[in-house]
């Protein structure tokens, strides 16, 4: 199983029709008036697997840490993906896609700074999504 792509967005939905509906994709900066502050968005992953891989369980983990390596999440987000049955009409050699939307609205960003989400599939790190959290400059009014 491999990661096709991953991104941070304001919101996302992954209905059973196989599509992903994404609003505000490509977050790399959070502007917040005060901290701690909620992340307030979502992570979207598209995973690809071969027919053989699809018939086995897989584990996806998401960790979040600050620029000093301190964990932001008490526990990583862990998704256990069950084996999937491959239908006979699925073309031989065609990868099966799985879209995953992870709600990050409950993730509290403790202070301004640099952060990263690290994504692991079956205990192997496959991607890092960095972001920064900043406060807007104070206006002189």
Foldseek 3Di string as FASTA:
>chain_A
DAWPDKWKALEWDQDPVRDIDTHGTHAAEAADADPQAFPRTKMKTKDWDAQVVLQAKKKKWKWKAFPVRHTQDPGIDIDIGHRDHDDPPPDHPDIDMDMDMGGRRVRTDGDWHKMWIWMDMRNHTHDIRIHTYDYDDDDDD
